[in-house]
N, C-alpha and C. Protein backbone atom coordinates (compact mmCIF):
# COMPACT_ATOMS: atom_id res chain seq x y z
N MET A 1 105.87 -32.76 15.33
CA MET A 1 106.23 -31.59 16.12
C MET A 1 107.58 -31.90 16.73
N GLY A 2 108.58 -30.92 16.55
CA GLY A 2 109.81 -30.88 17.03
C GLY A 2 109.86 -30.98 18.55
N ASP A 3 110.99 -31.45 19.15
CA ASP A 3 111.33 -31.44 20.42
C ASP A 3 111.02 -30.00 21.20
N GLU A 4 111.64 -28.98 20.53
CA GLU A 4 111.47 -27.72 21.03
C GLU A 4 109.91 -27.28 21.16
N GLN A 5 109.20 -27.66 20.25
CA GLN A 5 107.65 -27.45 20.28
C GLN A 5 106.98 -28.00 21.47
N LYS A 6 107.43 -29.13 22.05
CA LYS A 6 106.96 -29.72 22.95
C LYS A 6 107.49 -29.33 24.42
N MET A 7 108.50 -28.35 24.35
CA MET A 7 109.02 -27.85 25.55
C MET A 7 108.06 -26.87 26.34
N ARG A 8 108.15 -27.02 27.57
CA ARG A 8 107.16 -26.03 28.28
C ARG A 8 107.64 -24.69 28.22
N ALA A 9 106.60 -23.60 28.01
CA ALA A 9 106.96 -22.30 27.94
C ALA A 9 106.83 -21.68 29.41
N SER A 10 107.72 -20.63 29.50
CA SER A 10 107.80 -19.91 30.73
C SER A 10 106.70 -18.77 30.78
N ASP A 11 106.58 -18.11 32.03
CA ASP A 11 105.80 -16.93 32.03
C ASP A 11 106.35 -15.88 31.22
N ARG A 12 107.75 -15.82 31.23
CA ARG A 12 108.35 -14.76 30.32
C ARG A 12 108.08 -15.02 28.83
N ASP A 13 108.14 -16.16 28.48
CA ASP A 13 107.74 -16.55 27.07
C ASP A 13 106.46 -16.04 26.75
N ARG A 14 105.54 -16.44 27.53
CA ARG A 14 104.04 -15.96 27.39
C ARG A 14 103.96 -14.53 27.30
N GLN A 15 104.59 -13.86 28.16
CA GLN A 15 104.57 -12.38 28.11
C GLN A 15 105.11 -11.59 26.89
N GLN A 16 106.27 -12.34 26.44
CA GLN A 16 106.97 -11.87 25.20
C GLN A 16 105.88 -11.95 23.84
N VAL A 17 105.13 -13.04 23.96
CA VAL A 17 104.32 -13.17 22.82
C VAL A 17 103.19 -12.11 23.05
N VAL A 18 102.64 -12.08 24.16
CA VAL A 18 101.50 -10.91 24.43
C VAL A 18 102.03 -9.61 24.16
N GLU A 19 103.33 -9.32 24.42
CA GLU A 19 103.84 -7.96 24.09
C GLU A 19 103.90 -7.72 22.46
N ARG A 20 104.27 -8.89 21.85
CA ARG A 20 104.29 -8.90 20.29
C ARG A 20 102.91 -8.65 19.80
N LEU A 21 101.92 -9.28 20.35
CA LEU A 21 100.49 -9.13 19.92
C LEU A 21 100.10 -7.67 20.20
N ARG A 22 100.35 -7.06 21.34
CA ARG A 22 100.05 -5.83 21.65
C ARG A 22 100.59 -4.88 20.51
N ARG A 23 101.85 -4.98 20.21
CA ARG A 23 102.45 -4.30 19.12
C ARG A 23 101.66 -4.36 17.83
N ALA A 24 101.22 -5.57 17.49
CA ALA A 24 100.42 -5.83 16.41
C ALA A 24 99.06 -5.17 16.40
N LEU A 25 98.49 -5.20 17.63
CA LEU A 25 97.19 -4.46 17.74
C LEU A 25 97.49 -2.86 17.51
N GLU A 26 98.59 -2.45 18.08
CA GLU A 26 98.83 -1.02 17.89
C GLU A 26 99.08 -0.62 16.38
N ASP A 27 99.83 -1.49 15.61
CA ASP A 27 99.99 -1.35 14.34
C ASP A 27 98.87 -1.57 13.42
N GLY A 28 97.63 -1.95 13.99
CA GLY A 28 96.48 -2.27 13.23
C GLY A 28 96.38 -3.63 12.68
N ARG A 29 97.36 -4.53 12.95
CA ARG A 29 97.45 -5.74 12.20
C ARG A 29 96.34 -6.80 12.85
N LEU A 30 95.92 -6.50 14.08
CA LEU A 30 94.80 -7.22 14.74
C LEU A 30 93.72 -6.36 15.28
N THR A 31 92.59 -6.95 15.24
CA THR A 31 91.48 -6.20 15.87
C THR A 31 91.50 -6.47 17.37
N LEU A 32 90.72 -5.74 18.14
CA LEU A 32 90.73 -5.77 19.52
C LEU A 32 90.35 -7.21 19.87
N GLU A 33 89.44 -7.86 19.18
CA GLU A 33 88.74 -9.03 19.49
C GLU A 33 89.80 -10.10 19.29
N GLU A 34 90.43 -10.02 18.10
CA GLU A 34 91.61 -10.94 17.85
C GLU A 34 92.65 -10.90 18.92
N TYR A 35 93.02 -9.70 19.17
CA TYR A 35 93.97 -9.55 20.30
C TYR A 35 93.75 -10.24 21.64
N VAL A 36 92.41 -9.97 22.18
CA VAL A 36 91.96 -10.52 23.31
C VAL A 36 91.95 -12.04 23.25
N ASP A 37 91.50 -12.67 22.11
CA ASP A 37 91.54 -14.04 21.97
C ASP A 37 92.81 -14.64 22.02
N ARG A 38 93.88 -14.08 21.35
CA ARG A 38 95.13 -14.58 21.28
C ARG A 38 95.89 -14.42 22.63
N MET A 39 95.52 -13.26 23.34
CA MET A 39 96.24 -13.07 24.52
C MET A 39 95.77 -14.10 25.55
N GLU A 40 94.46 -14.32 25.59
CA GLU A 40 93.86 -15.36 26.42
C GLU A 40 94.59 -16.76 26.17
N THR A 41 94.80 -17.07 24.92
CA THR A 41 95.36 -18.31 24.48
C THR A 41 96.85 -18.43 24.76
N ALA A 42 97.50 -17.28 24.89
CA ALA A 42 98.99 -17.18 25.23
C ALA A 42 98.93 -17.43 26.65
N TYR A 43 98.24 -16.92 27.53
CA TYR A 43 98.31 -17.03 28.92
C TYR A 43 98.03 -18.54 29.33
N ARG A 44 97.20 -19.13 28.47
CA ARG A 44 96.71 -20.68 28.85
C ARG A 44 97.87 -21.50 28.35
N ALA A 45 98.62 -21.08 27.31
CA ALA A 45 99.62 -21.98 26.62
C ALA A 45 100.63 -22.74 27.66
N MET A 46 100.87 -23.92 27.29
CA MET A 46 101.68 -24.77 28.06
C MET A 46 103.09 -25.00 27.43
N THR A 47 103.08 -25.10 26.04
CA THR A 47 104.35 -25.49 25.35
C THR A 47 104.52 -24.33 24.25
N TYR A 48 105.91 -24.37 23.87
CA TYR A 48 106.26 -23.38 22.69
C TYR A 48 105.34 -23.69 21.52
N GLY A 49 104.98 -24.99 21.22
CA GLY A 49 104.02 -25.39 20.18
C GLY A 49 102.66 -24.58 20.30
N ASP A 50 102.25 -24.39 21.60
CA ASP A 50 101.06 -23.78 21.76
C ASP A 50 101.12 -22.13 21.54
N LEU A 51 102.34 -21.57 21.75
CA LEU A 51 102.55 -20.26 21.63
C LEU A 51 102.86 -19.81 20.04
N ALA A 52 103.46 -20.66 19.27
CA ALA A 52 103.91 -20.46 17.87
C ALA A 52 102.79 -19.87 17.01
N PRO A 53 101.65 -20.73 16.98
CA PRO A 53 100.71 -20.19 16.06
C PRO A 53 100.11 -18.78 16.36
N LEU A 54 100.28 -18.29 17.52
CA LEU A 54 99.49 -17.02 17.97
C LEU A 54 100.24 -15.97 17.03
N CYS A 55 101.64 -15.99 16.65
CA CYS A 55 102.29 -15.05 15.93
C CYS A 55 102.62 -15.37 14.59
N ALA A 56 102.22 -16.55 14.20
CA ALA A 56 102.70 -17.07 12.88
C ALA A 56 102.37 -16.10 11.58
N ASP A 57 101.12 -15.41 11.72
CA ASP A 57 100.66 -14.75 10.58
C ASP A 57 101.29 -13.21 10.73
N LEU A 58 102.12 -12.95 11.72
CA LEU A 58 102.60 -11.54 12.16
C LEU A 58 103.94 -11.48 11.61
N PRO A 59 104.37 -10.33 11.12
CA PRO A 59 105.82 -10.11 10.80
C PRO A 59 106.66 -10.05 11.94
N ALA A 60 107.92 -10.41 11.61
CA ALA A 60 108.93 -10.61 12.88
C ALA A 60 109.11 -9.14 13.61
N SER A 61 109.10 -8.26 12.83
CA SER A 61 109.10 -6.76 13.53
C SER A 61 108.36 -5.93 12.55
N SER A 62 107.85 -4.83 13.21
CA SER A 62 106.94 -3.79 12.61
C SER A 62 107.88 -2.93 11.62
N PRO A 63 107.47 -2.50 10.56
CA PRO A 63 108.23 -1.63 9.74
C PRO A 63 108.77 -0.41 10.36
N ALA A 64 109.93 0.04 10.18
CA ALA A 64 110.57 1.27 10.88
C ALA A 64 109.71 2.44 10.57
N MET A 65 109.37 3.15 11.44
CA MET A 65 108.63 4.34 11.27
C MET A 65 109.38 5.51 11.99
N ALA A 66 109.39 6.58 11.30
CA ALA A 66 110.35 7.76 11.96
C ALA A 66 109.32 8.48 13.13
N ARG A 67 109.69 8.34 14.15
CA ARG A 67 108.93 8.87 15.31
C ARG A 67 109.51 10.25 15.70
N PRO A 68 108.88 11.22 16.12
CA PRO A 68 109.61 12.37 16.63
C PRO A 68 109.84 12.04 18.10
N PRO A 69 110.74 12.79 18.62
CA PRO A 69 111.11 12.48 20.05
C PRO A 69 109.83 12.69 20.91
N ALA A 70 109.73 12.04 22.06
CA ALA A 70 108.56 12.10 22.84
C ALA A 70 108.21 13.44 23.24
N ALA A 71 109.18 14.30 23.47
CA ALA A 71 108.99 15.76 23.99
C ALA A 71 108.18 16.52 22.69
N ALA A 72 108.53 16.12 21.42
CA ALA A 72 107.97 16.86 20.30
C ALA A 72 106.55 16.47 20.11
N ILE A 73 105.95 15.42 20.73
CA ILE A 73 104.59 15.03 20.65
C ILE A 73 103.73 15.80 21.73
N PRO A 74 102.79 16.67 21.26
CA PRO A 74 101.95 17.49 22.13
C PRO A 74 101.11 16.54 22.88
N ALA A 75 100.93 16.67 24.21
CA ALA A 75 100.05 15.90 24.99
C ALA A 75 98.70 16.00 24.57
N ALA A 76 97.87 14.92 24.75
CA ALA A 76 96.53 15.08 24.21
C ALA A 76 95.80 15.69 25.37
N PRO A 77 94.91 16.61 24.92
CA PRO A 77 94.06 17.34 26.06
C PRO A 77 93.35 16.30 26.89
N LEU A 78 93.18 16.48 28.16
CA LEU A 78 92.37 15.48 29.06
C LEU A 78 90.96 15.94 28.74
N ALA A 79 90.16 14.95 28.32
CA ALA A 79 88.75 15.07 28.11
C ALA A 79 88.03 14.74 29.30
N ALA A 80 88.62 14.49 30.57
CA ALA A 80 87.93 14.17 31.67
C ALA A 80 87.04 15.17 32.34
N SER A 81 87.15 16.42 31.87
CA SER A 81 86.34 17.43 32.53
C SER A 81 84.90 17.37 32.16
N SER A 82 84.66 16.67 30.94
CA SER A 82 83.30 16.53 30.66
C SER A 82 82.89 15.12 30.33
N GLY A 83 81.81 14.40 30.84
CA GLY A 83 81.50 12.96 30.59
C GLY A 83 81.44 12.72 29.13
N ALA A 84 80.79 13.70 28.34
CA ALA A 84 80.63 13.55 26.89
C ALA A 84 81.99 13.32 26.21
N GLY A 85 82.89 14.10 26.67
CA GLY A 85 84.28 14.06 26.06
C GLY A 85 84.98 12.84 26.27
N CYS A 86 84.69 12.14 27.43
CA CYS A 86 85.29 10.93 27.68
C CYS A 86 84.69 9.91 26.74
N LEU A 87 83.38 9.86 26.67
CA LEU A 87 82.75 8.87 25.77
C LEU A 87 83.11 9.02 24.34
N ALA A 88 83.30 10.24 23.98
CA ALA A 88 83.60 10.67 22.61
C ALA A 88 84.80 9.93 22.00
N VAL A 89 85.87 9.58 22.88
CA VAL A 89 87.04 9.12 22.43
C VAL A 89 86.94 7.51 22.51
N LEU A 90 85.92 6.91 23.09
CA LEU A 90 85.80 5.50 22.98
C LEU A 90 85.60 4.83 21.74
N PRO A 91 86.10 3.64 21.44
CA PRO A 91 85.56 2.96 20.15
C PRO A 91 84.08 2.63 20.18
N LYS A 92 83.58 2.62 18.92
CA LYS A 92 82.13 2.35 18.51
C LYS A 92 81.58 1.17 19.54
N VAL A 93 82.41 0.15 19.65
CA VAL A 93 81.95 -0.92 20.28
C VAL A 93 81.68 -0.73 21.88
N LEU A 94 82.55 0.07 22.39
CA LEU A 94 82.30 0.31 23.85
C LEU A 94 81.23 1.31 23.91
N LYS A 95 80.91 2.38 22.86
CA LYS A 95 79.87 3.20 23.09
C LYS A 95 78.61 2.36 23.03
N ILE A 96 78.52 1.22 22.22
CA ILE A 96 77.34 0.47 22.08
C ILE A 96 77.19 -0.31 23.48
N LEU A 97 78.35 -0.90 23.96
CA LEU A 97 78.24 -1.68 25.21
C LEU A 97 77.71 -0.76 26.33
N TRP A 98 78.18 0.51 26.35
CA TRP A 98 77.68 1.45 27.44
C TRP A 98 76.18 1.70 27.24
N THR A 99 75.70 2.01 26.01
CA THR A 99 74.29 2.17 25.60
C THR A 99 73.41 0.98 26.08
N ILE A 100 73.98 -0.27 25.76
CA ILE A 100 73.17 -1.43 26.32
C ILE A 100 72.98 -1.46 27.70
N TRP A 101 74.18 -1.34 28.29
CA TRP A 101 74.45 -1.31 29.93
C TRP A 101 73.35 -0.40 30.55
N LEU A 102 73.39 0.92 30.12
CA LEU A 102 72.61 1.99 30.43
C LEU A 102 71.05 1.58 30.32
N SER A 103 70.59 1.08 29.19
CA SER A 103 69.24 0.60 28.85
C SER A 103 68.77 -0.61 29.95
N VAL A 104 69.62 -1.55 29.97
CA VAL A 104 69.38 -2.67 30.95
C VAL A 104 69.18 -2.22 32.35
N VAL A 105 70.13 -1.33 32.85
CA VAL A 105 70.09 -0.82 34.25
C VAL A 105 68.82 0.10 34.31
N SER A 106 68.60 0.93 33.30
CA SER A 106 67.32 1.70 33.44
C SER A 106 66.04 0.94 33.63
N LEU A 107 65.89 -0.16 32.63
CA LEU A 107 64.75 -1.11 32.82
C LEU A 107 64.62 -1.69 34.11
N ASN A 108 65.68 -2.25 34.67
CA ASN A 108 65.70 -2.77 36.06
C ASN A 108 65.24 -1.87 37.13
N VAL A 109 65.72 -0.65 36.98
CA VAL A 109 65.46 0.34 38.17
C VAL A 109 63.99 0.77 38.04
N VAL A 110 63.37 0.88 36.74
CA VAL A 110 61.89 1.10 36.58
C VAL A 110 61.16 -0.11 37.05
N ILE A 111 61.54 -1.19 36.83
CA ILE A 111 60.82 -2.39 37.28
C ILE A 111 60.91 -2.46 38.86
N TRP A 112 62.12 -2.23 39.39
CA TRP A 112 62.18 -2.21 40.87
C TRP A 112 61.40 -1.02 41.51
N ALA A 113 61.29 0.18 40.80
CA ALA A 113 60.48 1.26 41.37
C ALA A 113 58.94 0.95 41.33
N LEU A 114 58.63 0.27 40.15
CA LEU A 114 57.20 -0.30 40.06
C LEU A 114 56.68 -1.27 41.14
N VAL A 115 57.69 -2.19 41.35
CA VAL A 115 57.43 -3.14 42.45
C VAL A 115 57.32 -2.58 43.79
N SER A 116 58.30 -1.57 44.00
CA SER A 116 58.29 -0.79 45.37
C SER A 116 56.99 -0.11 45.60
N VAL A 117 56.51 0.53 44.54
CA VAL A 117 55.21 1.43 44.49
C VAL A 117 54.14 0.53 44.82
N THR A 118 53.96 -0.54 43.90
CA THR A 118 52.83 -1.21 43.96
C THR A 118 52.68 -2.06 45.29
N SER A 119 53.73 -2.44 45.97
CA SER A 119 53.70 -3.23 47.06
C SER A 119 53.63 -2.38 48.39
N GLY A 120 53.89 -1.00 48.30
CA GLY A 120 53.70 -0.21 49.34
C GLY A 120 54.88 -0.05 50.22
N GLN A 121 55.85 -0.74 49.85
CA GLN A 121 57.17 -0.71 50.71
C GLN A 121 58.46 -0.73 49.81
N LEU A 122 59.53 -0.25 50.36
CA LEU A 122 60.71 -0.22 49.55
C LEU A 122 61.35 -1.61 49.42
N ALA A 123 61.35 -2.11 48.14
CA ALA A 123 61.89 -3.45 47.83
C ALA A 123 63.35 -3.43 48.00
N TYR A 124 63.98 -4.70 48.10
CA TYR A 124 65.36 -4.82 48.22
C TYR A 124 65.96 -4.28 46.84
N PRO A 125 67.05 -3.44 46.92
CA PRO A 125 67.60 -2.82 45.71
C PRO A 125 68.40 -3.66 44.83
N TRP A 126 67.71 -4.67 44.38
CA TRP A 126 68.49 -5.72 43.48
C TRP A 126 69.08 -5.20 42.11
N PRO A 127 68.53 -4.08 41.60
CA PRO A 127 69.23 -3.55 40.32
C PRO A 127 70.70 -3.25 40.49
N VAL A 128 71.01 -3.12 41.79
CA VAL A 128 72.64 -2.86 42.09
C VAL A 128 73.34 -4.05 41.60
N TRP A 129 72.73 -5.19 41.74
CA TRP A 129 73.52 -6.43 41.43
C TRP A 129 73.58 -6.39 39.81
N VAL A 130 72.68 -6.00 39.20
CA VAL A 130 72.80 -5.90 37.64
C VAL A 130 73.73 -4.84 37.30
N ALA A 131 73.62 -3.58 37.78
CA ALA A 131 74.29 -2.54 37.40
C ALA A 131 75.91 -2.69 37.92
N GLY A 132 76.14 -2.98 39.07
CA GLY A 132 77.46 -2.99 39.70
C GLY A 132 78.60 -3.72 38.95
N PRO A 133 78.37 -5.08 39.01
CA PRO A 133 79.50 -5.89 38.37
C PRO A 133 79.73 -5.66 36.79
N TYR A 134 78.65 -5.55 36.19
CA TYR A 134 78.88 -5.24 34.71
C TYR A 134 79.39 -3.90 34.46
N GLY A 135 78.84 -2.87 35.27
CA GLY A 135 79.31 -1.48 35.14
C GLY A 135 80.79 -1.43 35.43
N ALA A 136 81.23 -2.05 36.56
CA ALA A 136 82.56 -2.10 36.92
C ALA A 136 83.56 -2.50 35.81
N VAL A 137 83.13 -3.63 35.28
CA VAL A 137 83.98 -4.25 34.14
C VAL A 137 83.96 -3.28 32.95
N LEU A 138 82.84 -2.81 32.65
CA LEU A 138 82.80 -1.97 31.47
C LEU A 138 83.69 -0.66 31.86
N PHE A 139 83.63 -0.13 32.99
CA PHE A 139 84.37 1.00 33.33
C PHE A 139 85.75 0.62 33.29
N ALA A 140 86.23 -0.42 33.75
CA ALA A 140 87.63 -0.75 33.66
C ALA A 140 88.11 -0.91 32.25
N VAL A 141 87.39 -1.63 31.45
CA VAL A 141 87.82 -1.73 30.10
C VAL A 141 87.85 -0.41 29.46
N SER A 142 86.82 0.55 29.62
CA SER A 142 86.89 1.81 29.06
C SER A 142 88.02 2.63 29.52
N ALA A 143 88.39 2.57 30.79
CA ALA A 143 89.43 3.26 31.27
C ALA A 143 90.81 2.82 30.61
N GLY A 144 91.04 1.54 30.59
CA GLY A 144 92.17 1.02 29.95
C GLY A 144 92.34 1.46 28.57
N VAL A 145 91.22 1.50 27.73
CA VAL A 145 91.30 1.78 26.27
C VAL A 145 91.64 3.31 26.21
N MET A 146 91.12 4.18 27.15
CA MET A 146 91.46 5.38 27.07
C MET A 146 92.87 5.63 27.53
N LEU A 147 93.43 5.06 28.46
CA LEU A 147 94.76 5.13 28.95
C LEU A 147 95.65 4.79 27.84
N PHE A 148 95.21 3.58 27.09
CA PHE A 148 96.08 3.11 25.96
C PHE A 148 96.07 4.05 24.87
N ARG A 149 95.03 4.71 24.52
CA ARG A 149 94.97 5.73 23.45
C ARG A 149 95.81 6.93 23.87
N ARG A 150 95.76 7.28 25.07
CA ARG A 150 96.61 8.41 25.46
C ARG A 150 97.99 8.30 25.33
N SER A 151 98.37 6.99 25.52
CA SER A 151 99.85 6.72 25.56
C SER A 151 100.29 6.80 24.12
N ARG A 152 99.64 6.51 23.23
CA ARG A 152 100.02 6.53 21.76
C ARG A 152 100.12 7.92 21.20
N PRO A 153 101.13 8.06 20.36
CA PRO A 153 101.27 9.43 19.59
C PRO A 153 100.18 9.51 18.58
N PRO A 154 99.68 10.78 18.34
CA PRO A 154 98.83 10.84 17.20
C PRO A 154 99.32 10.45 15.86
N VAL A 155 98.54 9.72 15.14
CA VAL A 155 98.95 9.10 13.87
C VAL A 155 99.51 10.23 12.84
N ALA A 156 98.92 11.60 12.96
CA ALA A 156 99.41 12.40 12.01
C ALA A 156 100.91 12.77 12.07
N HIS A 157 101.60 12.42 13.30
CA HIS A 157 103.01 12.70 13.48
C HIS A 157 103.84 11.61 13.06
N LEU A 158 103.28 10.48 12.60
CA LEU A 158 104.07 9.44 12.11
C LEU A 158 104.18 9.52 10.58
N LYS A 159 105.35 9.29 10.13
CA LYS A 159 105.92 9.39 8.68
C LYS A 159 106.60 8.19 8.35
N PRO A 160 106.25 7.47 7.14
CA PRO A 160 107.09 6.36 6.91
C PRO A 160 108.42 6.91 6.38
N VAL A 161 109.32 5.95 6.73
CA VAL A 161 110.76 6.27 6.40
C VAL A 161 111.02 6.30 4.91
N ASN A 162 110.42 5.25 4.18
CA ASN A 162 110.60 5.35 2.75
C ASN A 162 109.77 6.33 1.93
N GLY A 163 108.82 7.09 2.59
CA GLY A 163 107.71 7.76 1.86
C GLY A 163 108.09 9.15 2.12
């Protein structure tokens, strides 16, 4: 390993690698899971040698794509007016995670209700501790994905320069 590879990386170096990984995710070169794994590794990296392998299989820059000016891209309609519209734009993985979360929370609420009814008094609302933290994290991830998708231009407007 060269001397440069042993040099300590700065926060700016880590951020530049994460930005490059984000562009690779947008280009479809990385899956969301690969991006998250590499991003976590980048933020934990101590040296340039730790950062180098994260982008080794990615091109130096993405191919030139002719993009229309930002004003020419119509704004995506906001689907926030209906809950079903919001969930419809989420990736399949998040839809599955929301379904699992809803199933687990529903089961816990039913168990809590049965315990409360059979004991004759209202039990401590412990399902909140099951629903709250995981629901908050899932909501934050879903909101981030929706914001990310709204900030990207529609794929139909992108045309290759050579084609």
